[in-house]
Amino acid sequence: MRITPNAFSNNERRNNFRSTQSAEKLLEKYNALAKEAVSSGDRILSENYFQHAEHFMRIVDAKNLNQNKNKIQVSNKPGVSDKLSAENNKTNQHRSIEDNKE
């Protein structure tokens, strides 16, 4: 009988290398670990943690950049801004007509 890697996991895939924490949380975690290593005098371990923190900082920055790009693209869509402008113009015209009637 041959034992497969997933024989004891009920056919569920295991990923021991990926964390379920967000990149922001992992950035905080590794910065805290690095500061702790610095305070204990372990320069090599602190550098390792700072490199991990830098990796997650890049991930967070890229995520924020993509979110900002998506916001700009949504606000620049012609359909959305044109509809809002048309509605505002109708409201303003309606108000000015009512003002002229008085």
PDB file of N, CA and C in Angstrom:
ATOM      1  N   MET A   1       0.840  -1.191   0.000  1.00  0.00           N
ATOM      2  CA  MET A   1       0.000   0.000   0.000  1.00  0.00           C
ATOM      3  C   MET A   1       0.878   1.245   0.000  1.00  0.00           C
ATOM      4  N   ARG A   2       0.566   2.141  -0.880  1.00  0.00           N
ATOM      5  CA  ARG A   2       1.338   3.375  -1.001  1.00  0.00           C
ATOM      6  C   ARG A   2       0.617   4.491  -0.263  1.00  0.00           C
ATOM      7  N   ILE A   3       1.320   5.226   0.556  1.00  0.00           N
ATOM      8  CA  ILE A   3       0.729   6.332   1.316  1.00  0.00           C
ATOM      9  C   ILE A   3       0.936   7.624   0.532  1.00  0.00           C
ATOM     10  N   THR A   4      -0.146   8.314   0.264  1.00  0.00           N
ATOM     11  CA  THR A   4      -0.069   9.581  -0.452  1.00  0.00           C
ATOM     12  C   THR A   4       0.090  10.714   0.552  1.00  0.00           C
ATOM     13  N   PRO A   5       0.562  11.864   0.125  1.00  0.00           N
ATOM     14  CA  PRO A   5       0.770  12.981   1.049  1.00  0.00           C
ATOM     15  C   PRO A   5      -0.520  13.439   1.731  1.00  0.00           C
ATOM     16  N   ASN A   6      -1.636  13.277   1.074  1.00  0.00           N
ATOM     17  CA  ASN A   6      -2.897  13.745   1.636  1.00  0.00           C
ATOM     18  C   ASN A   6      -3.710  12.615   2.269  1.00  0.00           C
ATOM     19  N   ALA A   7      -3.087  11.504   2.556  1.00  0.00           N
ATOM     20  CA  ALA A   7      -3.823  10.344   3.065  1.00  0.00           C
ATOM     21  C   ALA A   7      -4.478  10.606   4.417  1.00  0.00           C
ATOM     22  N   PHE A   8      -3.903  11.465   5.219  1.00  0.00           N
ATOM     23  CA  PHE A   8      -4.428  11.693   6.561  1.00  0.00           C
ATOM     24  C   PHE A   8      -5.194  13.010   6.688  1.00  0.00           C
ATOM     25  N   SER A   9      -5.455  13.678   5.606  1.00  0.00           N
ATOM     26  CA  SER A   9      -6.092  14.989   5.683  1.00  0.00           C
ATOM     27  C   SER A   9      -7.507  14.999   5.123  1.00  0.00           C
ATOM     28  N   ASN A  10      -8.122  13.842   4.982  1.00  0.00           N
ATOM     29  CA  ASN A  10      -9.491  13.763   4.464  1.00  0.00           C
ATOM     30  C   ASN A  10      -9.640  14.453   3.117  1.00  0.00           C
ATOM     31  N   ASN A  11      -8.653  14.294   2.269  1.00  0.00           N
ATOM     32  CA  ASN A  11      -8.648  14.865   0.914  1.00  0.00           C
ATOM     33  C   ASN A  11      -8.715  16.387   0.879  1.00  0.00           C
ATOM     34  N   GLU A  12      -8.425  17.036   1.985  1.00  0.00           N
ATOM     35  CA  GLU A  12      -8.354  18.489   2.000  1.00  0.00           C
ATOM     36  C   GLU A  12      -6.912  18.893   1.772  1.00  0.00           C
ATOM     37  N   ARG A  13      -6.727  19.925   0.971  1.00  0.00           N
ATOM     38  CA  ARG A  13      -5.367  20.380   0.690  1.00  0.00           C
ATOM     39  C   ARG A  13      -4.845  21.190   1.862  1.00  0.00           C
ATOM     40  N   ARG A  14      -3.632  20.936   2.213  1.00  0.00           N
ATOM     41  CA  ARG A  14      -3.001  21.696   3.282  1.00  0.00           C
ATOM     42  C   ARG A  14      -1.948  22.597   2.673  1.00  0.00           C
ATOM     43  N   ASN A  15      -1.870  23.771   3.184  1.00  0.00           N
ATOM     44  CA  ASN A  15      -0.831  24.690   2.756  1.00  0.00           C
ATOM     45  C   ASN A  15      -0.177  25.229   4.020  1.00  0.00           C
ATOM     46  N   ASN A  16       0.944  24.636   4.370  1.00  0.00           N
ATOM     47  CA  ASN A  16       1.619  25.023   5.600  1.00  0.00           C
ATOM     48  C   ASN A  16       2.430  26.300   5.447  1.00  0.00           C
ATOM     49  N   PHE A  17       2.546  26.829   4.244  1.00  0.00           N
ATOM     50  CA  PHE A  17       3.418  27.969   4.024  1.00  0.00           C
ATOM     51  C   PHE A  17       2.665  29.287   3.954  1.00  0.00           C
ATOM     52  N   ARG A  18       1.411  29.265   3.680  1.00  0.00           N
ATOM     53  CA  ARG A  18       0.650  30.508   3.574  1.00  0.00           C
ATOM     54  C   ARG A  18      -0.085  30.801   4.857  1.00  0.00           C
ATOM     55  N   SER A  19      -0.045  32.029   5.236  1.00  0.00           N
ATOM     56  CA  SER A  19      -0.724  32.451   6.450  1.00  0.00           C
ATOM     57  C   SER A  19      -2.128  32.940   6.103  1.00  0.00           C
ATOM     58  N   THR A  20      -3.003  32.865   7.067  1.00  0.00           N
ATOM     59  CA  THR A  20      -4.365  33.352   6.837  1.00  0.00           C
ATOM     60  C   THR A  20      -4.497  34.811   7.236  1.00  0.00           C
ATOM     61  N   GLN A  21      -3.405  35.416   7.697  1.00  0.00           N
ATOM     62  CA  GLN A  21      -3.436  36.815   8.100  1.00  0.00           C
ATOM     63  C   GLN A  21      -3.278  37.721   6.892  1.00  0.00           C
ATOM     64  N   SER A  22      -3.780  38.946   7.035  1.00  0.00           N
ATOM     65  CA  SER A  22      -3.646  39.911   5.950  1.00  0.00           C
ATOM     66  C   SER A  22      -2.213  40.432   5.887  1.00  0.00           C
ATOM     67  N   ALA A  23      -1.892  41.027   4.773  1.00  0.00           N
ATOM     68  CA  ALA A  23      -0.544  41.572   4.593  1.00  0.00           C
ATOM     69  C   ALA A  23      -0.272  42.673   5.614  1.00  0.00           C
ATOM     70  N   GLU A  24      -1.293  43.462   5.953  1.00  0.00           N
ATOM     71  CA  GLU A  24      -1.120  44.522   6.952  1.00  0.00           C
ATOM     72  C   GLU A  24      -0.760  43.944   8.321  1.00  0.00           C
ATOM     73  N   LYS A  25      -1.455  42.878   8.702  1.00  0.00           N
ATOM     74  CA  LYS A  25      -1.186  42.231   9.991  1.00  0.00           C
ATOM     75  C   LYS A  25       0.208  41.605  10.004  1.00  0.00           C
ATOM     76  N   LEU A  26       0.589  40.987   8.900  1.00  0.00           N
ATOM     77  CA  LEU A  26       1.918  40.377   8.826  1.00  0.00           C
ATOM     78  C   LEU A  26       3.014  41.444   8.860  1.00  0.00           C
ATOM     79  N   LEU A  27       2.768  42.594   8.259  1.00  0.00           N
ATOM     80  CA  LEU A  27       3.722  43.694   8.328  1.00  0.00           C
ATOM     81  C   LEU A  27       3.924  44.125   9.774  1.00  0.00           C
ATOM     82  N   GLU A  28       2.820  44.295  10.502  1.00  0.00           N
ATOM     83  CA  GLU A  28       2.908  44.661  11.918  1.00  0.00           C
ATOM     84  C   GLU A  28       3.650  43.588  12.718  1.00  0.00           C
ATOM     85  N   LYS A  29       3.332  42.334  12.440  1.00  0.00           N
ATOM     86  CA  LYS A  29       3.943  41.210  13.159  1.00  0.00           C
ATOM     87  C   LYS A  29       5.456  41.206  12.983  1.00  0.00           C
ATOM     88  N   TYR A  30       5.918  41.307  11.727  1.00  0.00           N
ATOM     89  CA  TYR A  30       7.353  41.235  11.469  1.00  0.00           C
ATOM     90  C   TYR A  30       8.088  42.480  11.953  1.00  0.00           C
ATOM     91  N   ASN A  31       7.452  43.643  11.921  1.00  0.00           N
ATOM     92  CA  ASN A  31       8.080  44.831  12.497  1.00  0.00           C
ATOM     93  C   ASN A  31       8.249  44.668  14.001  1.00  0.00           C
ATOM     94  N   ALA A  32       7.226  44.133  14.664  1.00  0.00           N
ATOM     95  CA  ALA A  32       7.314  43.910  16.110  1.00  0.00           C
ATOM     96  C   ALA A  32       8.396  42.883  16.439  1.00  0.00           C
ATOM     97  N   LEU A  33       8.455  41.797  15.666  1.00  0.00           N
ATOM     98  CA  LEU A  33       9.483  40.786  15.893  1.00  0.00           C
ATOM     99  C   LEU A  33      10.886  41.358  15.660  1.00  0.00           C
ATOM    100  N   ALA A  34      11.023  42.206  14.648  1.00  0.00           N
ATOM    101  CA  ALA A  34      12.322  42.807  14.355  1.00  0.00           C
ATOM    102  C   ALA A  34      12.758  43.726  15.491  1.00  0.00           C
ATOM    103  N   LYS A  35      11.833  44.526  16.002  1.00  0.00           N
ATOM    104  CA  LYS A  35      12.159  45.425  17.115  1.00  0.00           C
ATOM    105  C   LYS A  35      12.546  44.628  18.357  1.00  0.00           C
ATOM    106  N   GLU A  36      11.845  43.525  18.580  1.00  0.00           N
ATOM    107  CA  GLU A  36      12.165  42.663  19.718  1.00  0.00           C
ATOM    108  C   GLU A  36      13.563  42.057  19.560  1.00  0.00           C
ATOM    109  N   ALA A  37      13.897  41.636  18.345  1.00  0.00           N
ATOM    110  CA  ALA A  37      15.217  41.057  18.090  1.00  0.00           C
ATOM    111  C   ALA A  37      16.309  42.102  18.263  1.00  0.00           C
ATOM    112  N   VAL A  38      16.038  43.353  17.837  1.00  0.00           N
ATOM    113  CA  VAL A  38      17.011  44.429  18.013  1.00  0.00           C
ATOM    114  C   VAL A  38      17.253  44.672  19.500  1.00  0.00           C
ATOM    115  N   SER A  39      16.174  44.711  20.267  1.00  0.00           N
ATOM    116  CA  SER A  39      16.320  44.986  21.700  1.00  0.00           C
ATOM    117  C   SER A  39      17.052  43.858  22.426  1.00  0.00           C
ATOM    118  N   SER A  40      16.957  42.642  21.896  1.00  0.00           N
ATOM    119  CA  SER A  40      17.677  41.524  22.522  1.00  0.00           C
ATOM    120  C   SER A  40      19.107  41.404  21.999  1.00  0.00           C
ATOM    121  N   GLY A  41      19.471  42.227  21.014  1.00  0.00           N
ATOM    122  CA  GLY A  41      20.834  42.257  20.511  1.00  0.00           C
ATOM    123  C   GLY A  41      21.123  41.308  19.361  1.00  0.00           C
ATOM    124  N   ASP A  42      20.108  40.682  18.785  1.00  0.00           N
ATOM    125  CA  ASP A  42      20.317  39.744  17.679  1.00  0.00           C
ATOM    126  C   ASP A  42      20.137  40.484  16.357  1.00  0.00           C
ATOM    127  N   ARG A  43      21.249  40.992  15.814  1.00  0.00           N
ATOM    128  CA  ARG A  43      21.193  41.799  14.594  1.00  0.00           C
ATOM    129  C   ARG A  43      20.790  40.969  13.382  1.00  0.00           C
ATOM    130  N   ILE A  44      21.256  39.740  13.314  1.00  0.00           N
ATOM    131  CA  ILE A  44      20.968  38.891  12.155  1.00  0.00           C
ATOM    132  C   ILE A  44      19.486  38.554  12.105  1.00  0.00           C
ATOM    133  N   LEU A  45      18.922  38.158  13.232  1.00  0.00           N
ATOM    134  CA  LEU A  45      17.498  37.834  13.270  1.00  0.00           C
ATOM    135  C   LEU A  45      16.646  39.074  12.992  1.00  0.00           C
ATOM    136  N   SER A  46      17.065  40.223  13.539  1.00  0.00           N
ATOM    137  CA  SER A  46      16.302  41.450  13.299  1.00  0.00           C
ATOM    138  C   SER A  46      16.313  41.808  11.817  1.00  0.00           C
ATOM    139  N   GLU A  47      17.447  41.651  11.157  1.00  0.00           N
ATOM    140  CA  GLU A  47      17.531  41.941   9.712  1.00  0.00           C
ATOM    141  C   GLU A  47      16.618  41.010   8.928  1.00  0.00           C
ATOM    142  N   ASN A  48      16.574  39.748   9.332  1.00  0.00           N
ATOM    143  CA  ASN A  48      15.683  38.787   8.690  1.00  0.00           C
ATOM    144  C   ASN A  48      14.232  39.260   8.813  1.00  0.00           C
ATOM    145  N   TYR A  49      13.835  39.635  10.023  1.00  0.00           N
ATOM    146  CA  TYR A  49      12.456  40.103  10.230  1.00  0.00           C
ATOM    147  C   TYR A  49      12.183  41.397   9.479  1.00  0.00           C
ATOM    148  N   PHE A  50      13.169  42.304   9.443  1.00  0.00           N
ATOM    149  CA  PHE A  50      12.973  43.554   8.701  1.00  0.00           C
ATOM    150  C   PHE A  50      12.807  43.272   7.206  1.00  0.00           C
ATOM    151  N   GLN A  51      13.502  42.268   6.680  1.00  0.00           N
ATOM    152  CA  GLN A  51      13.326  41.915   5.275  1.00  0.00           C
ATOM    153  C   GLN A  51      11.932  41.357   5.017  1.00  0.00           C
ATOM    154  N   HIS A  52      11.429  40.554   5.946  1.00  0.00           N
ATOM    155  CA  HIS A  52      10.054  40.062   5.821  1.00  0.00           C
ATOM    156  C   HIS A  52       9.072  41.232   5.870  1.00  0.00           C
ATOM    157  N   ALA A  53       9.285  42.144   6.792  1.00  0.00           N
ATOM    158  CA  ALA A  53       8.405  43.311   6.918  1.00  0.00           C
ATOM    159  C   ALA A  53       8.427  44.144   5.640  1.00  0.00           C
ATOM    160  N   GLU A  54       9.618  44.303   5.048  1.00  0.00           N
ATOM    161  CA  GLU A  54       9.732  45.067   3.804  1.00  0.00           C
ATOM    162  C   GLU A  54       8.944  44.396   2.675  1.00  0.00           C
ATOM    163  N   HIS A  55       8.982  43.081   2.627  1.00  0.00           N
ATOM    164  CA  HIS A  55       8.218  42.337   1.624  1.00  0.00           C
ATOM    165  C   HIS A  55       6.726  42.636   1.756  1.00  0.00           C
ATOM    166  N   PHE A  56       6.219  42.564   2.980  1.00  0.00           N
ATOM    167  CA  PHE A  56       4.793  42.816   3.178  1.00  0.00           C
ATOM    168  C   PHE A  56       4.438  44.288   2.997  1.00  0.00           C
ATOM    169  N   MET A  57       5.402  45.183   3.233  1.00  0.00           N
ATOM    170  CA  MET A  57       5.175  46.603   2.966  1.00  0.00           C
ATOM    171  C   MET A  57       4.951  46.819   1.477  1.00  0.00           C
ATOM    172  N   ARG A  58       5.743  46.130   0.644  1.00  0.00           N
ATOM    173  CA  ARG A  58       5.565  46.241  -0.813  1.00  0.00           C
ATOM    174  C   ARG A  58       4.208  45.707  -1.239  1.00  0.00           C
ATOM    175  N   ILE A  59       3.770  44.615  -0.618  1.00  0.00           N
ATOM    176  CA  ILE A  59       2.460  44.052  -0.944  1.00  0.00           C
ATOM    177  C   ILE A  59       1.347  45.032  -0.571  1.00  0.00           C
ATOM    178  N   VAL A  60       1.436  45.626   0.620  1.00  0.00           N
ATOM    179  CA  VAL A  60       0.434  46.588   1.074  1.00  0.00           C
ATOM    180  C   VAL A  60       0.426  47.806   0.156  1.00  0.00           C
ATOM    181  N   ASP A  61       1.615  48.310  -0.213  1.00  0.00           N
ATOM    182  CA  ASP A  61       1.697  49.470  -1.111  1.00  0.00           C
ATOM    183  C   ASP A  61       1.076  49.164  -2.474  1.00  0.00           C
ATOM    184  N   ALA A  62       1.358  47.983  -3.011  1.00  0.00           N
ATOM    185  CA  ALA A  62       0.793  47.605  -4.313  1.00  0.00           C
ATOM    186  C   ALA A  62      -0.724  47.487  -4.222  1.00  0.00           C
ATOM    187  N   LYS A  63      -1.204  46.928  -3.126  1.00  0.00           N
ATOM    188  CA  LYS A  63      -2.652  46.795  -2.933  1.00  0.00           C
ATOM    189  C   LYS A  63      -3.315  48.172  -2.860  1.00  0.00           C
ATOM    190  N   ASN A  64      -2.706  49.088  -2.117  1.00  0.00           N
ATOM    191  CA  ASN A  64      -3.258  50.439  -2.006  1.00  0.00           C
ATOM    192  C   ASN A  64      -3.215  51.167  -3.344  1.00  0.00           C
ATOM    193  N   LEU A  65      -2.148  50.975  -4.096  1.00  0.00           N
ATOM    194  CA  LEU A  65      -2.033  51.604  -5.414  1.00  0.00           C
ATOM    195  C   LEU A  65      -3.133  51.102  -6.346  1.00  0.00           C
ATOM    196  N   ASN A  66      -3.375  49.792  -6.330  1.00  0.00           N
ATOM    197  CA  ASN A  66      -4.436  49.223  -7.171  1.00  0.00           C
ATOM    198  C   ASN A  66      -5.810  49.735  -6.757  1.00  0.00           C
ATOM    199  N   GLN A  67      -6.041  49.876  -5.458  1.00  0.00           N
ATOM    200  CA  GLN A  67      -7.321  50.393  -4.997  1.00  0.00           C
ATOM    201  C   GLN A  67      -7.514  51.829  -5.450  1.00  0.00           C
ATOM    202  N   ASN A  68      -6.460  52.634  -5.371  1.00  0.00           N
ATOM    203  CA  ASN A  68      -6.553  54.023  -5.820  1.00  0.00           C
ATOM    204  C   ASN A  68      -6.780  54.114  -7.323  1.00  0.00           C
ATOM    205  N   LYS A  69      -6.116  53.252  -8.090  1.00  0.00           N
ATOM    206  CA  LYS A  69      -6.334  53.237  -9.542  1.00  0.00           C
ATOM    207  C   LYS A  69      -7.775  52.877  -9.867  1.00  0.00           C
ATOM    208  N   ASN A  70      -8.319  51.894  -9.153  1.00  0.00           N
ATOM    209  CA  ASN A  70      -9.701  51.485  -9.398  1.00  0.00           C
ATOM    210  C   ASN A  70     -10.668  52.609  -9.063  1.00  0.00           C
ATOM    211  N   LYS A  71     -10.408  53.358  -7.989  1.00  0.00           N
ATOM    212  CA  LYS A  71     -11.272  54.483  -7.626  1.00  0.00           C
ATOM    213  C   LYS A  71     -11.245  55.556  -8.702  1.00  0.00           C
ATOM    214  N   ILE A  72     -10.046  55.828  -9.224  1.00  0.00           N
ATOM    215  CA  ILE A  72      -9.908  56.846 -10.265  1.00  0.00           C
ATOM    216  C   ILE A  72     -10.619  56.400 -11.532  1.00  0.00           C
ATOM    217  N   GLN A  73     -10.479  55.123 -11.895  1.00  0.00           N
ATOM    218  CA  GLN A  73     -11.133  54.617 -13.102  1.00  0.00           C
ATOM    219  C   GLN A  73     -12.644  54.682 -12.976  1.00  0.00           C
ATOM    220  N   VAL A  74     -13.174  54.375 -11.806  1.00  0.00           N
ATOM    221  CA  VAL A  74     -14.624  54.417 -11.608  1.00  0.00           C
ATOM    222  C   VAL A  74     -15.120  55.847 -11.688  1.00  0.00           C
ATOM    223  N   SER A  75     -14.391  56.782 -11.093  1.00  0.00           N
ATOM    224  CA  SER A  75     -14.838  58.168 -11.111  1.00  0.00           C
ATOM    225  C   SER A  75     -14.686  58.805 -12.486  1.00  0.00           C
ATOM    226  N   ASN A  76     -13.794  58.267 -13.317  1.00  0.00           N
ATOM    227  CA  ASN A  76     -13.587  58.814 -14.660  1.00  0.00           C
ATOM    228  C   ASN A  76     -14.447  58.145 -15.724  1.00  0.00           C
ATOM    229  N   LYS A  77     -15.231  57.154 -15.337  1.00  0.00           N
ATOM    230  CA  LYS A  77     -16.093  56.511 -16.330  1.00  0.00           C
ATOM    231  C   LYS A  77     -17.094  57.532 -16.856  1.00  0.00           C
ATOM    232  N   PRO A  78     -17.255  57.627 -18.173  1.00  0.00           N
ATOM    233  CA  PRO A  78     -18.152  58.634 -18.732  1.00  0.00           C
ATOM    234  C   PRO A  78     -19.605  58.432 -18.313  1.00  0.00           C
ATOM    235  N   GLY A  79     -20.028  57.215 -18.209  1.00  0.00           N
ATOM    236  CA  GLY A  79     -21.420  56.956 -17.867  1.00  0.00           C
ATOM    237  C   GLY A  79     -21.787  57.448 -16.483  1.00  0.00           C
ATOM    238  N   VAL A  80     -20.938  57.238 -15.521  1.00  0.00           N
ATOM    239  CA  VAL A  80     -21.231  57.601 -14.139  1.00  0.00           C
ATOM    240  C   VAL A  80     -21.235  59.109 -13.968  1.00  0.00           C
ATOM    241  N   SER A  81     -20.172  59.777 -14.393  1.00  0.00           N
ATOM    242  CA  SER A  81     -20.085  61.218 -14.187  1.00  0.00           C
ATOM    243  C   SER A  81     -21.096  61.969 -15.057  1.00  0.00           C
ATOM    244  N   ASP A  82     -21.356  61.483 -16.284  1.00  0.00           N
ATOM    245  CA  ASP A  82     -22.331  62.138 -17.147  1.00  0.00           C
ATOM    246  C   ASP A  82     -23.725  62.057 -16.554  1.00  0.00           C
ATOM    247  N   LYS A  83     -24.087  60.914 -15.999  1.00  0.00           N
ATOM    248  CA  LYS A  83     -25.401  60.766 -15.393  1.00  0.00           C
ATOM    249  C   LYS A  83     -25.560  61.709 -14.212  1.00  0.00           C
ATOM    250  N   LEU A  84     -24.527  61.790 -13.384  1.00  0.00           N
ATOM    251  CA  LEU A  84     -24.589  62.687 -12.227  1.00  0.00           C
ATOM    252  C   LEU A  84     -24.692  64.136 -12.676  1.00  0.00           C
ATOM    253  N   SER A  85     -23.935  64.508 -13.687  1.00  0.00           N
ATOM    254  CA  SER A  85     -23.978  65.881 -14.197  1.00  0.00           C
ATOM    255  C   SER A  85     -25.347  66.193 -14.777  1.00  0.00           C
ATOM    256  N   ALA A  86     -25.910  65.251 -15.530  1.00  0.00           N
ATOM    257  CA  ALA A  86     -27.230  65.462 -16.119  1.00  0.00           C
ATOM    258  C   ALA A  86     -28.294  65.620 -15.031  1.00  0.00           C
ATOM    259  N   GLU A  87     -28.217  64.797 -13.983  1.00  0.00           N
ATOM    260  CA  GLU A  87     -29.177  64.911 -12.890  1.00  0.00           C
ATOM    261  C   GLU A  87     -29.032  66.240 -12.160  1.00  0.00           C
ATOM    262  N   ASN A  88     -27.809  66.674 -11.931  1.00  0.00           N
ATOM    263  CA  ASN A  88     -27.581  67.959 -11.276  1.00  0.00           C
ATOM    264  C   ASN A  88     -28.096  69.111 -12.131  1.00  0.00           C
ATOM    265  N   ASN A  89     -27.892  69.033 -13.455  1.00  0.00           N
ATOM    266  CA  ASN A  89     -28.377  70.077 -14.349  1.00  0.00           C
ATOM    267  C   ASN A  89     -29.894  70.143 -14.339  1.00  0.00           C
ATOM    268  N   LYS A  90     -30.558  68.979 -14.357  1.00  0.00           N
ATOM    269  CA  LYS A  90     -32.020  68.957 -14.320  1.00  0.00           C
ATOM    270  C   LYS A  90     -32.538  69.561 -13.026  1.00  0.00           C
ATOM    271  N   THR A  91     -31.895  69.218 -11.912  1.00  0.00           N
ATOM    272  CA  THR A  91     -32.312  69.750 -10.616  1.00  0.00           C
ATOM    273  C   THR A  91     -32.128  71.255 -10.572  1.00  0.00           C
ATOM    274  N   ASN A  92     -30.988  71.725 -11.063  1.00  0.00           N
ATOM    275  CA  ASN A  92     -30.726  73.169 -11.069  1.00  0.00           C
ATOM    276  C   ASN A  92     -31.689  73.906 -11.993  1.00  0.00           C
ATOM    277  N   GLN A  93     -31.997  73.324 -13.150  1.00  0.00           N
ATOM    278  CA  GLN A  93     -32.945  73.952 -14.070  1.00  0.00           C
ATOM    279  C   GLN A  93     -34.337  74.016 -13.445  1.00  0.00           C
ATOM    280  N   HIS A  94     -34.726  72.939 -12.791  1.00  0.00           N
ATOM    281  CA  HIS A  94     -36.027  72.877 -12.139  1.00  0.00           C
ATOM    282  C   HIS A  94     -36.122  73.947 -11.044  1.00  0.00           C
ATOM    283  N   ARG A  95     -35.070  74.128 -10.293  1.00  0.00           N
ATOM    284  CA  ARG A  95     -35.046  75.140  -9.231  1.00  0.00           C
ATOM    285  C   ARG A  95     -35.134  76.538  -9.823  1.00  0.00           C
ATOM    286  N   SER A  96     -34.398  76.779 -10.896  1.00  0.00           N
ATOM    287  CA  SER A  96     -34.406  78.126 -11.482  1.00  0.00           C
ATOM    288  C   SER A  96     -35.770  78.437 -12.092  1.00  0.00           C
ATOM    289  N   ILE A  97     -36.445  77.459 -12.655  1.00  0.00           N
ATOM    290  CA  ILE A  97     -37.791  77.669 -13.197  1.00  0.00           C
ATOM    291  C   ILE A  97     -38.756  78.005 -12.074  1.00  0.00           C
ATOM    292  N   GLU A  98     -38.664  77.281 -10.962  1.00  0.00           N
ATOM    293  CA  GLU A  98     -39.525  77.557  -9.813  1.00  0.00           C
ATOM    294  C   GLU A  98     -39.238  78.919  -9.214  1.00  0.00           C
ATOM    295  N   ASP A  99     -37.961  79.291  -9.185  1.00  0.00           N
ATOM    296  CA  ASP A  99     -37.582  80.616  -8.657  1.00  0.00           C
ATOM    297  C   ASP A  99     -38.163  81.728  -9.537  1.00  0.00           C
ATOM    298  N   ASN A 100     -38.155  81.518 -10.872  1.00  0.00           N
ATOM    299  CA  ASN A 100     -38.673  82.523 -11.799  1.00  0.00           C
ATOM    300  C   ASN A 100     -40.190  82.649 -11.687  1.00  0.00           C
ATOM    301  N   LYS A 101     -40.865  81.566 -11.336  1.00  0.00           N
ATOM    302  CA  LYS A 101     -42.315  81.609 -11.190  1.00  0.00           C
ATOM    303  C   LYS A 101     -42.737  82.456  -9.997  1.00  0.00           C
ATOM    304  N   GLU A 102     -41.901  82.462  -8.976  1.00  0.00           N
ATOM    305  CA  GLU A 102     -42.222  83.228  -7.755  1.00  0.00           C
ATOM    306  C   GLU A 102     -41.943  84.663  -7.999  1.00  0.00           C
TER     307      GLU A 102
END
